[in-house]
PDB file of N, CA and C in Angstrom:
ATOM      1  N   UNK A   1       0.956  -1.389   0.039  1.00  0.00           N
ATOM      2  CA  UNK A   1       0.147   0.048   0.209  1.00  0.00           C
ATOM      3  C   UNK A   1       1.011   1.238   0.209  1.00  0.00           C
ATOM      4  N   UNK A   2       0.176   2.078   0.120  1.00  0.00           N
ATOM      5  CA  UNK A   2       1.055   3.590  -0.141  1.00  0.00           C
ATOM      6  C   UNK A   2       0.768   4.120   1.493  1.00  0.00           C
ATOM      7  N   UNK A   3       1.619   5.459   1.534  1.00  0.00           N
ATOM      8  CA  UNK A   3       1.071   6.302   2.632  1.00  0.00           C
ATOM      9  C   UNK A   3       0.045   7.487   2.763  1.00  0.00           C
ATOM     10  N   UNK A   4      -0.964   7.111   3.423  1.00  0.00           N
ATOM     11  CA  UNK A   4      -1.790   7.831   3.108  1.00  0.00           C
ATOM     12  C   UNK A   4      -1.747   9.363   3.526  1.00  0.00           C
ATOM     13  N   UNK A   5      -2.584  10.194   2.592  1.00  0.00           N
ATOM     14  CA  UNK A   5      -2.535  11.726   3.022  1.00  0.00           C
ATOM     15  C   UNK A   5      -3.022  12.347   4.587  1.00  0.00           C
ATOM     16  N   UNK A   6      -4.021  11.387   4.828  1.00  0.00           N
ATOM     17  CA  UNK A   6      -4.074  11.439   6.280  1.00  0.00           C
ATOM     18  C   UNK A   6      -3.395  11.333   7.351  1.00  0.00           C
ATOM     19  N   UNK A   7      -1.412  11.345   6.873  1.00  0.00           N
ATOM     20  CA  UNK A   7      -0.628  11.210   8.215  1.00  0.00           C
ATOM     21  C   UNK A   7      -0.496  12.265   8.049  1.00  0.00           C
ATOM     22  N   UNK A   8      -1.221  13.757   7.569  1.00  0.00           N
ATOM     23  CA  UNK A   8      -0.974  14.853   8.073  1.00  0.00           C
ATOM     24  C   UNK A   8      -1.906  15.413   8.748  1.00  0.00           C
ATOM     25  N   UNK A   9      -2.993  14.201   9.814  1.00  0.00           N
ATOM     26  CA  UNK A   9      -3.789  14.422  10.455  1.00  0.00           C
ATOM     27  C   UNK A   9      -3.618  14.371  11.893  1.00  0.00           C
ATOM     28  N   UNK A  10      -2.311  13.845  11.750  1.00  0.00           N
ATOM     29  CA  UNK A  10      -1.506  12.763  12.827  1.00  0.00           C
ATOM     30  C   UNK A  10      -0.737  14.219  13.676  1.00  0.00           C
ATOM     31  N   UNK A  11      -1.616  15.449  13.824  1.00  0.00           N
ATOM     32  CA  UNK A  11      -0.660  16.243  14.479  1.00  0.00           C
ATOM     33  C   UNK A  11       0.337  15.813  15.956  1.00  0.00           C
ATOM     34  N   UNK A  12       0.358  14.826  16.625  1.00  0.00           N
ATOM     35  CA  UNK A  12       0.563  14.410  17.576  1.00  0.00           C
ATOM     36  C   UNK A  12       1.824  13.411  17.181  1.00  0.00           C
ATOM     37  N   UNK A  13       1.595  12.684  15.908  1.00  0.00           N
ATOM     38  CA  UNK A  13       2.708  11.588  16.329  1.00  0.00           C
ATOM     39  C   UNK A  13       4.151  12.108  16.330  1.00  0.00           C
ATOM     40  N   UNK A  14       4.733  11.110  17.274  1.00  0.00           N
ATOM     41  CA  UNK A  14       6.093  11.547  17.317  1.00  0.00           C
ATOM     42  C   UNK A  14       7.546  10.639  16.384  1.00  0.00           C
ATOM     43  N   UNK A  15       6.461   9.712  16.187  1.00  0.00           N
ATOM     44  CA  UNK A  15       7.555   8.683  15.792  1.00  0.00           C
ATOM     45  C   UNK A  15       6.889   7.035  14.481  1.00  0.00           C
ATOM     46  N   UNK A  16       7.269   7.552  12.992  1.00  0.00           N
ATOM     47  CA  UNK A  16       6.741   7.062  12.216  1.00  0.00           C
ATOM     48  C   UNK A  16       7.593   6.015  11.549  1.00  0.00           C
ATOM     49  N   UNK A  17       7.052   5.122  12.154  1.00  0.00           N
ATOM     50  CA  UNK A  17       8.662   3.764  11.005  1.00  0.00           C
ATOM     51  C   UNK A  17       7.834   2.702  10.471  1.00  0.00           C
ATOM     52  N   UNK A  18       8.283   2.693   8.967  1.00  0.00           N
ATOM     53  CA  UNK A  18       7.422   1.606   8.473  1.00  0.00           C
ATOM     54  C   UNK A  18       8.949   1.276   7.576  1.00  0.00           C
ATOM     55  N   UNK A  19      10.199   0.720   8.455  1.00  0.00           N
ATOM     56  CA  UNK A  19      11.314   0.113   7.978  1.00  0.00           C
ATOM     57  C   UNK A  19      11.114  -1.106   7.587  1.00  0.00           C
ATOM     58  N   UNK A  20      11.766  -1.781   6.408  1.00  0.00           N
ATOM     59  CA  UNK A  20      12.049  -2.739   5.999  1.00  0.00           C
ATOM     60  C   UNK A  20      10.211  -3.328   5.424  1.00  0.00           C
ATOM     61  N   UNK A  21       9.788  -3.288   4.563  1.00  0.00           N
ATOM     62  CA  UNK A  21       8.600  -3.178   4.011  1.00  0.00           C
ATOM     63  C   UNK A  21       8.590  -2.812   2.354  1.00  0.00           C
ATOM     64  N   UNK A  22       9.287  -3.699   1.697  1.00  0.00           N
ATOM     65  CA  UNK A  22       9.158  -3.737   0.448  1.00  0.00           C
ATOM     66  C   UNK A  22       7.954  -3.413  -0.157  1.00  0.00           C
ATOM     67  N   UNK A  23       6.485  -3.790   0.446  1.00  0.00           N
ATOM     68  CA  UNK A  23       5.275  -3.695   0.149  1.00  0.00           C
ATOM     69  C   UNK A  23       4.474  -2.155   0.466  1.00  0.00           C
ATOM     70  N   UNK A  24       4.934  -1.311   0.633  1.00  0.00           N
ATOM     71  CA  UNK A  24       5.317   0.166   0.907  1.00  0.00           C
ATOM     72  C   UNK A  24       5.303   0.930  -0.217  1.00  0.00           C
ATOM     73  N   UNK A  25       4.708   1.199  -1.268  1.00  0.00           N
ATOM     74  CA  UNK A  25       4.957   2.060  -2.626  1.00  0.00           C
ATOM     75  C   UNK A  25       4.328   3.252  -2.705  1.00  0.00           C
ATOM     76  N   UNK A  26       4.475   3.707  -4.117  1.00  0.00           N
ATOM     77  CA  UNK A  26       4.388   5.106  -4.450  1.00  0.00           C
ATOM     78  C   UNK A  26       4.729   6.401  -3.378  1.00  0.00           C
ATOM     79  N   UNK A  27       4.366   7.277  -3.720  1.00  0.00           N
ATOM     80  CA  UNK A  27       4.939   8.562  -3.242  1.00  0.00           C
ATOM     81  C   UNK A  27       5.103   8.923  -1.866  1.00  0.00           C
ATOM     82  N   UNK A  28       6.207  10.058  -1.530  1.00  0.00           N
ATOM     83  CA  UNK A  28       5.409  10.740   0.006  1.00  0.00           C
ATOM     84  C   UNK A  28       4.518  11.286  -0.293  1.00  0.00           C
ATOM     85  N   UNK A  29       3.030  11.486   0.585  1.00  0.00           N
ATOM     86  CA  UNK A  29       2.439  12.522   0.695  1.00  0.00           C
ATOM     87  C   UNK A  29       3.227  14.304   0.993  1.00  0.00           C
ATOM     88  N   UNK A  30       2.607  14.786   0.426  1.00  0.00           N
ATOM     89  CA  UNK A  30       3.371  16.475   0.957  1.00  0.00           C
ATOM     90  C   UNK A  30       2.603  16.688   2.080  1.00  0.00           C
ATOM     91  N   UNK A  31       1.357  15.896   2.470  1.00  0.00           N
ATOM     92  CA  UNK A  31       0.585  16.134   3.604  1.00  0.00           C
ATOM     93  C   UNK A  31       1.439  15.787   4.832  1.00  0.00           C
ATOM     94  N   UNK A  32       2.581  14.832   4.906  1.00  0.00           N
ATOM     95  CA  UNK A  32       3.332  14.560   6.505  1.00  0.00           C
ATOM     96  C   UNK A  32       4.035  15.861   6.935  1.00  0.00           C
ATOM     97  N   UNK A  33       3.947  17.017   5.962  1.00  0.00           N
ATOM     98  CA  UNK A  33       4.502  18.321   6.350  1.00  0.00           C
ATOM     99  C   UNK A  33       3.675  19.015   7.680  1.00  0.00           C
ATOM    100  N   UNK A  34       2.592  18.219   7.793  1.00  0.00           N
ATOM    101  CA  UNK A  34       1.510  19.015   8.756  1.00  0.00           C
ATOM    102  C   UNK A  34       1.712  17.725   9.908  1.00  0.00           C
ATOM    103  N   UNK A  35       2.136  16.826  10.009  1.00  0.00           N
ATOM    104  CA  UNK A  35       2.845  16.111  11.034  1.00  0.00           C
ATOM    105  C   UNK A  35       4.027  16.978  12.102  1.00  0.00           C
ATOM    106  N   UNK A  36       3.355  17.902  12.619  1.00  0.00           N
ATOM    107  CA  UNK A  36       4.780  19.041  13.176  1.00  0.00           C
ATOM    108  C   UNK A  36       5.320  18.417  14.303  1.00  0.00           C
ATOM    109  N   UNK A  37       4.509  17.232  15.311  1.00  0.00           N
ATOM    110  CA  UNK A  37       5.369  16.894  16.307  1.00  0.00           C
ATOM    111  C   UNK A  37       6.462  15.864  15.818  1.00  0.00           C
ATOM    112  N   UNK A  38       6.501  15.084  14.660  1.00  0.00           N
ATOM    113  CA  UNK A  38       7.330  14.283  14.100  1.00  0.00           C
ATOM    114  C   UNK A  38       8.529  14.423  14.523  1.00  0.00           C
ATOM    115  N   UNK A  39       9.462  13.261  14.930  1.00  0.00           N
ATOM    116  CA  UNK A  39      10.688  13.626  15.419  1.00  0.00           C
ATOM    117  C   UNK A  39      11.621  12.580  14.461  1.00  0.00           C
ATOM    118  N   UNK A  40      10.843  11.296  14.384  1.00  0.00           N
ATOM    119  CA  UNK A  40      11.758  10.192  13.884  1.00  0.00           C
ATOM    120  C   UNK A  40      10.971   9.737  12.636  1.00  0.00           C
ATOM    121  N   UNK A  41      11.705   9.363  11.461  1.00  0.00           N
ATOM    122  CA  UNK A  41      10.531   9.434  10.375  1.00  0.00           C
ATOM    123  C   UNK A  41      11.681   8.190   9.525  1.00  0.00           C
ATOM    124  N   UNK A  42      11.305   6.951   9.741  1.00  0.00           N
ATOM    125  CA  UNK A  42      12.552   5.939   9.276  1.00  0.00           C
ATOM    126  C   UNK A  42      11.322   5.274   7.893  1.00  0.00           C
ATOM    127  N   UNK A  43      11.978   5.214   6.988  1.00  0.00           N
ATOM    128  CA  UNK A  43      10.852   4.104   5.580  1.00  0.00           C
ATOM    129  C   UNK A  43      12.374   3.723   4.836  1.00  0.00           C
ATOM    130  N   UNK A  44      13.021   2.980   5.815  1.00  0.00           N
ATOM    131  CA  UNK A  44      14.241   2.855   4.872  1.00  0.00           C
ATOM    132  C   UNK A  44      14.065   1.372   4.481  1.00  0.00           C
ATOM    133  N   UNK A  45      14.686   0.863   3.126  1.00  0.00           N
ATOM    134  CA  UNK A  45      14.154  -0.790   2.678  1.00  0.00           C
ATOM    135  C   UNK A  45      12.780  -0.620   2.026  1.00  0.00           C
ATOM    136  N   UNK A  46      12.118   0.326   1.699  1.00  0.00           N
ATOM    137  CA  UNK A  46      10.393   0.473   1.164  1.00  0.00           C
ATOM    138  C   UNK A  46      10.759   0.354  -0.121  1.00  0.00           C
ATOM    139  N   UNK A  47       9.830   0.624  -1.067  1.00  0.00           N
ATOM    140  CA  UNK A  47       9.682   0.859  -2.577  1.00  0.00           C
ATOM    141  C   UNK A  47       8.944   1.927  -2.623  1.00  0.00           C
ATOM    142  N   UNK A  48       9.509   3.275  -2.018  1.00  0.00           N
ATOM    143  CA  UNK A  48       8.549   4.536  -2.126  1.00  0.00           C
ATOM    144  C   UNK A  48       9.609   5.252  -3.539  1.00  0.00           C
ATOM    145  N   UNK A  49       8.555   5.909  -4.193  1.00  0.00           N
ATOM    146  CA  UNK A  49       9.309   6.865  -5.267  1.00  0.00           C
ATOM    147  C   UNK A  49       8.981   7.876  -5.033  1.00  0.00           C
ATOM    148  N   UNK A  50       9.063   8.731  -6.304  1.00  0.00           N
ATOM    149  CA  UNK A  50       8.624  10.096  -6.606  1.00  0.00           C
ATOM    150  C   UNK A  50      10.273  11.128  -5.719  1.00  0.00           C
ATOM    151  N   UNK A  51       9.878  12.319  -5.772  1.00  0.00           N
ATOM    152  CA  UNK A  51      10.771  13.001  -4.776  1.00  0.00           C
ATOM    153  C   UNK A  51      10.162  13.646  -3.194  1.00  0.00           C
ATOM    154  N   UNK A  52      10.784  13.658  -2.726  1.00  0.00           N
ATOM    155  CA  UNK A  52      10.722  14.123  -1.453  1.00  0.00           C
ATOM    156  C   UNK A  52       9.992  15.702  -0.981  1.00  0.00           C
ATOM    157  N   UNK A  53       8.865  15.549  -0.352  1.00  0.00           N
ATOM    158  CA  UNK A  53       8.357  16.730  -0.364  1.00  0.00           C
ATOM    159  C   UNK A  53       8.559  17.698   0.206  1.00  0.00           C
ATOM    160  N   UNK A  54       8.549  19.081  -0.298  1.00  0.00           N
ATOM    161  CA  UNK A  54       9.424  20.517  -0.100  1.00  0.00           C
ATOM    162  C   UNK A  54       8.817  20.987   1.631  1.00  0.00           C
ATOM    163  N   UNK A  55       7.088  20.080   1.428  1.00  0.00           N
ATOM    164  CA  UNK A  55       6.991  20.266   2.652  1.00  0.00           C
ATOM    165  C   UNK A  55       7.326  19.933   4.208  1.00  0.00           C
ATOM    166  N   UNK A  56       8.518  19.197   4.377  1.00  0.00           N
ATOM    167  CA  UNK A  56       8.895  18.042   4.800  1.00  0.00           C
ATOM    168  C   UNK A  56       9.838  19.112   6.026  1.00  0.00           C
ATOM    169  N   UNK A  57      10.317  20.236   5.304  1.00  0.00           N
ATOM    170  CA  UNK A  57      11.125  20.960   5.791  1.00  0.00           C
ATOM    171  C   UNK A  57      10.245  21.934   7.138  1.00  0.00           C
ATOM    172  N   UNK A  58       8.731  21.516   7.354  1.00  0.00           N
ATOM    173  CA  UNK A  58       8.470  22.458   8.313  1.00  0.00           C
ATOM    174  C   UNK A  58       8.294  21.297   9.170  1.00  0.00           C
ATOM    175  N   UNK A  59       9.341  20.431   9.437  1.00  0.00           N
ATOM    176  CA  UNK A  59       8.873  19.105  10.206  1.00  0.00           C
ATOM    177  C   UNK A  59      10.066  19.599  11.148  1.00  0.00           C
ATOM    178  N   UNK A  60      10.001  20.791  12.048  1.00  0.00           N
ATOM    179  CA  UNK A  60      11.164  21.534  12.910  1.00  0.00           C
ATOM    180  C   UNK A  60      11.377  20.249  14.150  1.00  0.00           C
ATOM    181  N   UNK A  61      10.650  19.286  14.682  1.00  0.00           N
ATOM    182  CA  UNK A  61      11.208  18.666  15.904  1.00  0.00           C
ATOM    183  C   UNK A  61      11.837  17.564  15.390  1.00  0.00           C
ATOM    184  N   UNK A  62      11.784  17.302  13.723  1.00  0.00           N
ATOM    185  CA  UNK A  62      12.472  16.140  13.563  1.00  0.00           C
ATOM    186  C   UNK A  62      14.018  15.819  13.737  1.00  0.00           C
ATOM    187  N   UNK A  63      14.091  14.842  14.339  1.00  0.00           N
ATOM    188  CA  UNK A  63      15.850  14.630  14.568  1.00  0.00           C
ATOM    189  C   UNK A  63      16.362  13.259  14.091  1.00  0.00           C
ATOM    190  N   UNK A  64      15.296  12.096  13.670  1.00  0.00           N
ATOM    191  CA  UNK A  64      15.942  11.122  12.811  1.00  0.00           C
ATOM    192  C   UNK A  64      14.673  10.955  11.281  1.00  0.00           C
ATOM    193  N   UNK A  65      15.729  10.956  10.271  1.00  0.00           N
ATOM    194  CA  UNK A  65      14.866  10.916   9.276  1.00  0.00           C
ATOM    195  C   UNK A  65      16.183  10.044   8.126  1.00  0.00           C
ATOM    196  N   UNK A  66      15.447   8.639   8.417  1.00  0.00           N
ATOM    197  CA  UNK A  66      15.730   7.396   7.192  1.00  0.00           C
ATOM    198  C   UNK A  66      15.385   7.488   6.100  1.00  0.00           C
ATOM    199  N   UNK A  67      15.605   7.672   4.822  1.00  0.00           N
ATOM    200  CA  UNK A  67      15.045   7.354   3.417  1.00  0.00           C
ATOM    201  C   UNK A  67      15.874   6.448   2.813  1.00  0.00           C
ATOM    202  N   UNK A  68      17.011   5.523   3.318  1.00  0.00           N
ATOM    203  CA  UNK A  68      17.635   5.095   2.496  1.00  0.00           C
ATOM    204  C   UNK A  68      16.696   3.661   2.159  1.00  0.00           C
ATOM    205  N   UNK A  69      17.600   3.172   1.123  1.00  0.00           N
ATOM    206  CA  UNK A  69      17.095   2.041   0.207  1.00  0.00           C
ATOM    207  C   UNK A  69      15.669   2.369  -0.307  1.00  0.00           C
ATOM    208  N   UNK A  70      15.323   3.292  -1.019  1.00  0.00           N
ATOM    209  CA  UNK A  70      14.365   3.334  -1.869  1.00  0.00           C
ATOM    210  C   UNK A  70      14.343   3.453  -3.583  1.00  0.00           C
ATOM    211  N   UNK A  71      13.300   4.244  -4.051  1.00  0.00           N
ATOM    212  CA  UNK A  71      13.365   4.344  -5.643  1.00  0.00           C
ATOM    213  C   UNK A  71      13.285   5.777  -5.353  1.00  0.00           C
ATOM    214  N   UNK A  72      13.688   6.822  -4.265  1.00  0.00           N
ATOM    215  CA  UNK A  72      13.262   7.908  -4.534  1.00  0.00           C
ATOM    216  C   UNK A  72      14.657   8.902  -5.310  1.00  0.00           C
ATOM    217  N   UNK A  73      13.970  10.005  -6.029  1.00  0.00           N
ATOM    218  CA  UNK A  73      14.400  10.597  -6.834  1.00  0.00           C
ATOM    219  C   UNK A  73      14.518  11.996  -6.876  1.00  0.00           C
ATOM    220  N   UNK A  74      15.295  12.357  -8.048  1.00  0.00           N
ATOM    221  CA  UNK A  74      15.703  14.312  -7.861  1.00  0.00           C
ATOM    222  C   UNK A  74      16.232  14.641  -7.204  1.00  0.00           C
ATOM    223  N   UNK A  75      15.741  16.133  -6.819  1.00  0.00           N
ATOM    224  CA  UNK A  75      16.751  16.596  -5.876  1.00  0.00           C
ATOM    225  C   UNK A  75      16.007  16.762  -4.505  1.00  0.00           C
ATOM    226  N   UNK A  76      17.226  16.448  -3.821  1.00  0.00           N
ATOM    227  CA  UNK A  76      16.606  17.085  -2.547  1.00  0.00           C
ATOM    228  C   UNK A  76      15.618  18.360  -2.257  1.00  0.00           C
ATOM    229  N   UNK A  77      14.880  18.335  -1.361  1.00  0.00           N
ATOM    230  CA  UNK A  77      14.185  19.873  -1.676  1.00  0.00           C
ATOM    231  C   UNK A  77      15.416  21.082  -0.387  1.00  0.00           C
ATOM    232  N   UNK A  78      15.586  22.223  -0.349  1.00  0.00           N
ATOM    233  CA  UNK A  78      16.622  22.986  -0.410  1.00  0.00           C
ATOM    234  C   UNK A  78      15.802  23.157   0.988  1.00  0.00           C
ATOM    235  N   UNK A  79      14.583  22.994   1.272  1.00  0.00           N
ATOM    236  CA  UNK A  79      13.373  23.149   2.505  1.00  0.00           C
ATOM    237  C   UNK A  79      14.416  22.539   3.795  1.00  0.00           C
ATOM    238  N   UNK A  80      14.984  21.052   3.152  1.00  0.00           N
ATOM    239  CA  UNK A  80      15.290  20.491   4.698  1.00  0.00           C
ATOM    240  C   UNK A  80      16.430  20.601   4.933  1.00  0.00           C
ATOM    241  N   UNK A  81      16.966  22.317   4.674  1.00  0.00           N
ATOM    242  CA  UNK A  81      17.660  22.336   5.565  1.00  0.00           C
ATOM    243  C   UNK A  81      17.304  23.040   6.698  1.00  0.00           C
ATOM    244  N   UNK A  82      16.423  23.585   6.987  1.00  0.00           N
ATOM    245  CA  UNK A  82      16.073  24.113   8.012  1.00  0.00           C
ATOM    246  C   UNK A  82      15.419  23.522   8.849  1.00  0.00           C
ATOM    247  N   UNK A  83      15.597  22.291   9.297  1.00  0.00           N
ATOM    248  CA  UNK A  83      15.361  20.960   9.749  1.00  0.00           C
ATOM    249  C   UNK A  83      16.381  21.501  11.200  1.00  0.00           C
ATOM    250  N   UNK A  84      16.553  22.350  11.477  1.00  0.00           N
ATOM    251  CA  UNK A  84      17.617  22.514  13.359  1.00  0.00           C
ATOM    252  C   UNK A  84      18.077  21.248  13.902  1.00  0.00           C
ATOM    253  N   UNK A  85      16.751  20.661  14.149  1.00  0.00           N
ATOM    254  CA  UNK A  85      17.108  19.272  15.368  1.00  0.00           C
ATOM    255  C   UNK A  85      17.799  18.164  14.244  1.00  0.00           C
ATOM    256  N   UNK A  86      17.775  18.230  13.231  1.00  0.00           N
ATOM    257  CA  UNK A  86      18.262  16.744  12.597  1.00  0.00           C
ATOM    258  C   UNK A  86      19.756  16.315  12.757  1.00  0.00           C
ATOM    259  N   UNK A  87      19.158  15.043  13.690  1.00  0.00           N
ATOM    260  CA  UNK A  87      20.747  14.521  14.123  1.00  0.00           C
ATOM    261  C   UNK A  87      21.243  13.500  13.001  1.00  0.00           C
ATOM    262  N   UNK A  88      20.380  12.590  12.363  1.00  0.00           N
ATOM    263  CA  UNK A  88      20.655  11.720  11.835  1.00  0.00           C
ATOM    264  C   UNK A  88      19.807  11.578  10.529  1.00  0.00           C
ATOM    265  N   UNK A  89      20.460  11.585   9.435  1.00  0.00           N
ATOM    266  CA  UNK A  89      19.820  11.722   8.471  1.00  0.00           C
ATOM    267  C   UNK A  89      20.203  11.197   7.140  1.00  0.00           C
ATOM    268  N   UNK A  90      20.024   9.721   6.736  1.00  0.00           N
ATOM    269  CA  UNK A  90      20.747   8.505   6.487  1.00  0.00           C
ATOM    270  C   UNK A  90      19.681   8.666   5.010  1.00  0.00           C
ATOM    271  N   UNK A  91      20.295   8.584   3.781  1.00  0.00           N
ATOM    272  CA  UNK A  91      19.628   8.563   2.666  1.00  0.00           C
ATOM    273  C   UNK A  91      19.995   7.537   1.083  1.00  0.00           C
ATOM    274  N   UNK A  92      21.161   6.813   1.767  1.00  0.00           N
ATOM    275  CA  UNK A  92      21.768   6.247   0.344  1.00  0.00           C
ATOM    276  C   UNK A  92      20.792   5.517  -0.134  1.00  0.00           C
ATOM    277  N   UNK A  93      21.193   5.097  -1.819  1.00  0.00           N
ATOM    278  CA  UNK A  93      20.598   3.750  -2.129  1.00  0.00           C
ATOM    279  C   UNK A  93      19.114   4.661  -2.768  1.00  0.00           C
ATOM    280  N   UNK A  94      19.207   5.396  -2.848  1.00  0.00           N
ATOM    281  CA  UNK A  94      18.118   5.929  -4.599  1.00  0.00           C
ATOM    282  C   UNK A  94      19.147   7.007  -5.206  1.00  0.00           C
ATOM    283  N   UNK A  95      17.707   7.644  -5.589  1.00  0.00           N
ATOM    284  CA  UNK A  95      18.327   7.963  -7.391  1.00  0.00           C
ATOM    285  C   UNK A  95      18.566   9.568  -7.274  1.00  0.00           C
ATOM    286  N   UNK A  96      18.669  10.252  -6.072  1.00  0.00           N
ATOM    287  CA  UNK A  96      18.487  11.790  -5.653  1.00  0.00           C
ATOM    288  C   UNK A  96      20.022  12.516  -6.668  1.00  0.00           C
ATOM    289  N   UNK A  97      19.744  13.622  -7.223  1.00  0.00           N
ATOM    290  CA  UNK A  97      20.406  14.221  -8.201  1.00  0.00           C
ATOM    291  C   UNK A  97      20.638  16.173  -7.664  1.00  0.00           C
ATOM    292  N   UNK A  98      21.856  16.107  -7.922  1.00  0.00           N
ATOM    293  CA  UNK A  98      21.727  17.690  -7.499  1.00  0.00           C
ATOM    294  C   UNK A  98      22.208  18.024  -6.845  1.00  0.00           C
ATOM    295  N   UNK A  99      22.480  19.008  -6.149  1.00  0.00           N
ATOM    296  CA  UNK A  99      22.909  19.912  -4.638  1.00  0.00           C
ATOM    297  C   UNK A  99      22.409  18.986  -3.563  1.00  0.00           C
ATOM    298  N   UNK A 100      23.484  19.130  -2.316  1.00  0.00           N
ATOM    299  CA  UNK A 100      22.699  18.916  -1.386  1.00  0.00           C
ATOM    300  C   UNK A 100      22.483  19.584  -0.440  1.00  0.00           C
ATOM    301  N   UNK A 101      21.551  19.766   0.594  1.00  0.00           N
ATOM    302  CA  UNK A 101      20.927  21.051   0.829  1.00  0.00           C
ATOM    303  C   UNK A 101      21.586  21.358   2.051  1.00  0.00           C
ATOM    304  N   UNK A 102      21.958  22.565   2.481  1.00  0.00           N
ATOM    305  CA  UNK A 102      22.642  22.914   3.629  1.00  0.00           C
ATOM    306  C   UNK A 102      22.185  23.201   4.791  1.00  0.00           C
ATOM    307  N   UNK A 103      22.856  22.362   5.604  1.00  0.00           N
ATOM    308  CA  UNK A 103      22.021  22.458   7.044  1.00  0.00           C
ATOM    309  C   UNK A 103      22.848  23.764   7.836  1.00  0.00           C
ATOM    310  N   UNK A 104      21.806  24.332   8.833  1.00  0.00           N
ATOM    311  CA  UNK A 104      22.455  25.395   9.367  1.00  0.00           C
ATOM    312  C   UNK A 104      22.568  24.282  10.694  1.00  0.00           C
TER     313      UNK A 104
END
C-alpha cells in the first residue's frame, strides 16, 4: 500500500517507522509536513518512489530522517536545511541528483 495523505492529520505523532517493508509503494505525500510533532521518520528499505516533498522542511522537531534504500529521485528540497534539530540523516541507495541541502 501507500502512505496515506491522512498522515498529515496526525499532528501529535512523534515516531513513524515503516522500515523493511517493500510493500510500501508510491510517493511520500506532501501532507507529511503537517505532522509537526514528528521526531523520527524511518522508511528505509521500502519501495517508495518520486521526490521528497518540500513540506518536510516544516518538521521542525525532526531528529531522525531515514529514507535509505528506496527509489526516491530528483533533487533533495532545500527546505530540508531548515531542520535544525536533525541529527541523523540517512539517504543512500536512492536516485537523488543535484546539490545537497545546506544545514544550519
